Amino acid sequence: MINFDEEIKNFHPSLEIDDVEKVAKAENAVEDLTDLMLEVMYGKKKDK
């Protein structure tokens, strides 16, 4: 039988997942900034 309390004590989140989350957030920020600049330059808004 699995001892869940013992398993939780041994659990360590994957560093790769944390890194992916940071990269995804950074890419979204760049895309948001690019979209904003394009709207300002061309006076257009995207339909959402």
PDB file of N, CA and C in Angstrom:
ATOM      1  N   MET A   1       0.845  -1.188   0.000  1.00  0.00           N
ATOM      2  CA  MET A   1       0.000   0.000   0.000  1.00  0.00           C
ATOM      3  C   MET A   1       0.892   1.254   0.000  1.00  0.00           C
ATOM      4  N   ILE A   2       0.454   2.279  -0.683  1.00  0.00           N
ATOM      5  CA  ILE A   2       1.234   3.508  -0.805  1.00  0.00           C
ATOM      6  C   ILE A   2       1.024   4.374   0.432  1.00  0.00           C
ATOM      7  N   ASN A   3       2.125   4.843   0.997  1.00  0.00           N
ATOM      8  CA  ASN A   3       2.071   5.771   2.125  1.00  0.00           C
ATOM      9  C   ASN A   3       2.168   7.182   1.541  1.00  0.00           C
ATOM     10  N   PHE A   4       1.024   7.842   1.388  1.00  0.00           N
ATOM     11  CA  PHE A   4       0.982   9.148   0.723  1.00  0.00           C
ATOM     12  C   PHE A   4       1.755  10.216   1.485  1.00  0.00           C
ATOM     13  N   ASP A   5       1.723  10.175   2.814  1.00  0.00           N
ATOM     14  CA  ASP A   5       2.465  11.167   3.595  1.00  0.00           C
ATOM     15  C   ASP A   5       3.963  11.061   3.315  1.00  0.00           C
ATOM     16  N   GLU A   6       4.463   9.841   3.226  1.00  0.00           N
ATOM     17  CA  GLU A   6       5.877   9.633   2.939  1.00  0.00           C
ATOM     18  C   GLU A   6       6.214  10.060   1.505  1.00  0.00           C
ATOM     19  N   GLU A   7       5.333   9.776   0.572  1.00  0.00           N
ATOM     20  CA  GLU A   7       5.553  10.166  -0.818  1.00  0.00           C
ATOM     21  C   GLU A   7       5.584  11.681  -0.968  1.00  0.00           C
ATOM     22  N   ILE A   8       4.714  12.381  -0.277  1.00  0.00           N
ATOM     23  CA  ILE A   8       4.676  13.847  -0.351  1.00  0.00           C
ATOM     24  C   ILE A   8       5.957  14.442   0.210  1.00  0.00           C
ATOM     25  N   LYS A   9       6.500  13.854   1.266  1.00  0.00           N
ATOM     26  CA  LYS A   9       7.759  14.342   1.828  1.00  0.00           C
ATOM     27  C   LYS A   9       8.898  14.218   0.824  1.00  0.00           C
ATOM     28  N   ASN A  10       8.855  13.200  -0.008  1.00  0.00           N
ATOM     29  CA  ASN A  10       9.916  12.958  -0.982  1.00  0.00           C
ATOM     30  C   ASN A  10       9.700  13.687  -2.301  1.00  0.00           C
ATOM     31  N   PHE A  11       8.560  14.336  -2.463  1.00  0.00           N
ATOM     32  CA  PHE A  11       8.229  14.998  -3.717  1.00  0.00           C
ATOM     33  C   PHE A  11       9.024  16.282  -3.886  1.00  0.00           C
ATOM     34  N   HIS A  12       9.597  16.460  -5.081  1.00  0.00           N
ATOM     35  CA  HIS A  12      10.284  17.691  -5.450  1.00  0.00           C
ATOM     36  C   HIS A  12       9.805  18.059  -6.849  1.00  0.00           C
ATOM     37  N   PRO A  13       9.276  19.266  -7.040  1.00  0.00           N
ATOM     38  CA  PRO A  13       8.802  19.644  -8.374  1.00  0.00           C
ATOM     39  C   PRO A  13       9.953  19.665  -9.371  1.00  0.00           C
ATOM     40  N   SER A  14       9.626  19.358 -10.585  1.00  0.00           N
ATOM     41  CA  SER A  14      10.618  19.350 -11.650  1.00  0.00           C
ATOM     42  C   SER A  14      11.053  20.772 -11.971  1.00  0.00           C
ATOM     43  N   LEU A  15      12.343  20.982 -12.025  1.00  0.00           N
ATOM     44  CA  LEU A  15      12.855  22.310 -12.371  1.00  0.00           C
ATOM     45  C   LEU A  15      12.526  22.662 -13.813  1.00  0.00           C
ATOM     46  N   GLU A  16      12.426  21.674 -14.664  1.00  0.00           N
ATOM     47  CA  GLU A  16      12.121  21.941 -16.061  1.00  0.00           C
ATOM     48  C   GLU A  16      10.755  22.592 -16.217  1.00  0.00           C
ATOM     49  N   ILE A  17       9.798  22.150 -15.442  1.00  0.00           N
ATOM     50  CA  ILE A  17       8.451  22.724 -15.518  1.00  0.00           C
ATOM     51  C   ILE A  17       8.481  24.181 -15.091  1.00  0.00           C
ATOM     52  N   ASP A  18       9.209  24.480 -14.047  1.00  0.00           N
ATOM     53  CA  ASP A  18       9.325  25.871 -13.607  1.00  0.00           C
ATOM     54  C   ASP A  18       9.953  26.732 -14.691  1.00  0.00           C
ATOM     55  N   ASP A  19      10.977  26.206 -15.350  1.00  0.00           N
ATOM     56  CA  ASP A  19      11.642  26.955 -16.413  1.00  0.00           C
ATOM     57  C   ASP A  19      10.704  27.194 -17.592  1.00  0.00           C
ATOM     58  N   VAL A  20       9.933  26.184 -17.946  1.00  0.00           N
ATOM     59  CA  VAL A  20       8.986  26.320 -19.055  1.00  0.00           C
ATOM     60  C   VAL A  20       7.957  27.392 -18.733  1.00  0.00           C
ATOM     61  N   GLU A  21       7.492  27.432 -17.499  1.00  0.00           N
ATOM     62  CA  GLU A  21       6.502  28.436 -17.098  1.00  0.00           C
ATOM     63  C   GLU A  21       7.078  29.844 -17.244  1.00  0.00           C
ATOM     64  N   LYS A  22       8.321  30.036 -16.836  1.00  0.00           N
ATOM     65  CA  LYS A  22       8.952  31.354 -16.949  1.00  0.00           C
ATOM     66  C   LYS A  22       9.096  31.774 -18.406  1.00  0.00           C
ATOM     67  N   VAL A  23       9.509  30.843 -19.245  1.00  0.00           N
ATOM     68  CA  VAL A  23       9.689  31.142 -20.661  1.00  0.00           C
ATOM     69  C   VAL A  23       8.347  31.476 -21.303  1.00  0.00           C
ATOM     70  N   ALA A  24       7.314  30.710 -20.970  1.00  0.00           N
ATOM     71  CA  ALA A  24       5.989  30.955 -21.551  1.00  0.00           C
ATOM     72  C   ALA A  24       5.481  32.337 -21.171  1.00  0.00           C
ATOM     73  N   LYS A  25       5.672  32.723 -19.926  1.00  0.00           N
ATOM     74  CA  LYS A  25       5.237  34.054 -19.493  1.00  0.00           C
ATOM     75  C   LYS A  25       6.015  35.143 -20.218  1.00  0.00           C
ATOM     76  N   ALA A  26       7.300  34.950 -20.386  1.00  0.00           N
ATOM     77  CA  ALA A  26       8.127  35.942 -21.069  1.00  0.00           C
ATOM     78  C   ALA A  26       7.720  36.073 -22.534  1.00  0.00           C
ATOM     79  N   GLU A  27       7.446  34.944 -23.193  1.00  0.00           N
ATOM     80  CA  GLU A  27       7.037  35.003 -24.594  1.00  0.00           C
ATOM     81  C   GLU A  27       5.697  35.710 -24.738  1.00  0.00           C
ATOM     82  N   ASN A  28       4.785  35.478 -23.816  1.00  0.00           N
ATOM     83  CA  ASN A  28       3.490  36.154 -23.875  1.00  0.00           C
ATOM     84  C   ASN A  28       3.659  37.651 -23.706  1.00  0.00           C
ATOM     85  N   ALA A  29       4.562  38.068 -22.849  1.00  0.00           N
ATOM     86  CA  ALA A  29       4.796  39.493 -22.639  1.00  0.00           C
ATOM     87  C   ALA A  29       5.337  40.129 -23.904  1.00  0.00           C
ATOM     88  N   VAL A  30       6.233  39.445 -24.594  1.00  0.00           N
ATOM     89  CA  VAL A  30       6.796  39.979 -25.835  1.00  0.00           C
ATOM     90  C   VAL A  30       5.713  40.075 -26.899  1.00  0.00           C
ATOM     91  N   GLU A  31       4.886  39.040 -27.015  1.00  0.00           N
ATOM     92  CA  GLU A  31       3.809  39.079 -27.999  1.00  0.00           C
ATOM     93  C   GLU A  31       2.828  40.195 -27.682  1.00  0.00           C
ATOM     94  N   ASP A  32       2.510  40.386 -26.408  1.00  0.00           N
ATOM     95  CA  ASP A  32       1.597  41.450 -26.024  1.00  0.00           C
ATOM     96  C   ASP A  32       2.168  42.812 -26.386  1.00  0.00           C
ATOM     97  N   LEU A  33       3.447  43.008 -26.129  1.00  0.00           N
ATOM     98  CA  LEU A  33       4.096  44.274 -26.450  1.00  0.00           C
ATOM     99  C   LEU A  33       4.119  44.490 -27.960  1.00  0.00           C
ATOM    100  N   THR A  34       4.402  43.432 -28.716  1.00  0.00           N
ATOM    101  CA  THR A  34       4.410  43.531 -30.176  1.00  0.00           C
ATOM    102  C   THR A  34       3.027  43.897 -30.686  1.00  0.00           C
ATOM    103  N   ASP A  35       1.992  43.236 -30.171  1.00  0.00           N
ATOM    104  CA  ASP A  35       0.622  43.547 -30.590  1.00  0.00           C
ATOM    105  C   ASP A  35       0.275  45.000 -30.293  1.00  0.00           C
ATOM    106  N   LEU A  36       0.668  45.480 -29.136  1.00  0.00           N
ATOM    107  CA  LEU A  36       0.393  46.859 -28.754  1.00  0.00           C
ATOM    108  C   LEU A  36       1.092  47.840 -29.694  1.00  0.00           C
ATOM    109  N   MET A  37       2.344  47.550 -30.007  1.00  0.00           N
ATOM    110  CA  MET A  37       3.084  48.441 -30.903  1.00  0.00           C
ATOM    111  C   MET A  37       2.468  48.452 -32.297  1.00  0.00           C
ATOM    112  N   LEU A  38       2.031  47.290 -32.781  1.00  0.00           N
ATOM    113  CA  LEU A  38       1.396  47.236 -34.097  1.00  0.00           C
ATOM    114  C   LEU A  38       0.095  48.023 -34.110  1.00  0.00           C
ATOM    115  N   GLU A  39      -0.665  47.943 -33.025  1.00  0.00           N
ATOM    116  CA  GLU A  39      -1.908  48.710 -32.936  1.00  0.00           C
ATOM    117  C   GLU A  39      -1.621  50.200 -32.977  1.00  0.00           C
ATOM    118  N   VAL A  40      -0.584  50.625 -32.284  1.00  0.00           N
ATOM    119  CA  VAL A  40      -0.235  52.044 -32.265  1.00  0.00           C
ATOM    120  C   VAL A  40       0.257  52.478 -33.645  1.00  0.00           C
ATOM    121  N   MET A  41       1.080  51.662 -34.281  1.00  0.00           N
ATOM    122  CA  MET A  41       1.648  52.025 -35.578  1.00  0.00           C
ATOM    123  C   MET A  41       0.590  52.064 -36.679  1.00  0.00           C
ATOM    124  N   TYR A  42      -0.289  51.096 -36.693  1.00  0.00           N
ATOM    125  CA  TYR A  42      -1.235  50.981 -37.791  1.00  0.00           C
ATOM    126  C   TYR A  42      -2.635  51.410 -37.415  1.00  0.00           C
ATOM    127  N   GLY A  43      -2.867  51.745 -36.156  1.00  0.00           N
ATOM    128  CA  GLY A  43      -4.175  52.203 -35.716  1.00  0.00           C
ATOM    129  C   GLY A  43      -5.257  51.139 -35.842  1.00  0.00           C
ATOM    130  N   LYS A  44      -4.854  49.882 -35.740  1.00  0.00           N
ATOM    131  CA  LYS A  44      -5.808  48.792 -35.877  1.00  0.00           C
ATOM    132  C   LYS A  44      -5.873  47.997 -34.578  1.00  0.00           C
ATOM    133  N   LYS A  45      -7.020  47.422 -34.350  1.00  0.00           N
ATOM    134  CA  LYS A  45      -7.176  46.527 -33.224  1.00  0.00           C
ATOM    135  C   LYS A  45      -7.566  45.161 -33.728  1.00  0.00           C
ATOM    136  N   LYS A  46      -7.059  44.128 -33.062  1.00  0.00           N
ATOM    137  CA  LYS A  46      -7.420  42.762 -33.423  1.00  0.00           C
ATOM    138  C   LYS A  46      -8.807  42.455 -32.891  1.00  0.00           C
ATOM    139  N   ASP A  47      -9.564  41.693 -33.636  1.00  0.00           N
ATOM    140  CA  ASP A  47     -10.851  41.221 -33.141  1.00  0.00           C
ATOM    141  C   ASP A  47     -10.603  40.024 -32.251  1.00  0.00           C
ATOM    142  N   LYS A  48     -11.172  40.074 -31.071  1.00  0.00           N
ATOM    143  CA  LYS A  48     -11.004  38.958 -30.142  1.00  0.00           C
ATOM    144  C   LYS A  48     -12.321  38.310 -29.854  1.00  0.00           C
TER     145      LYS A  48
END
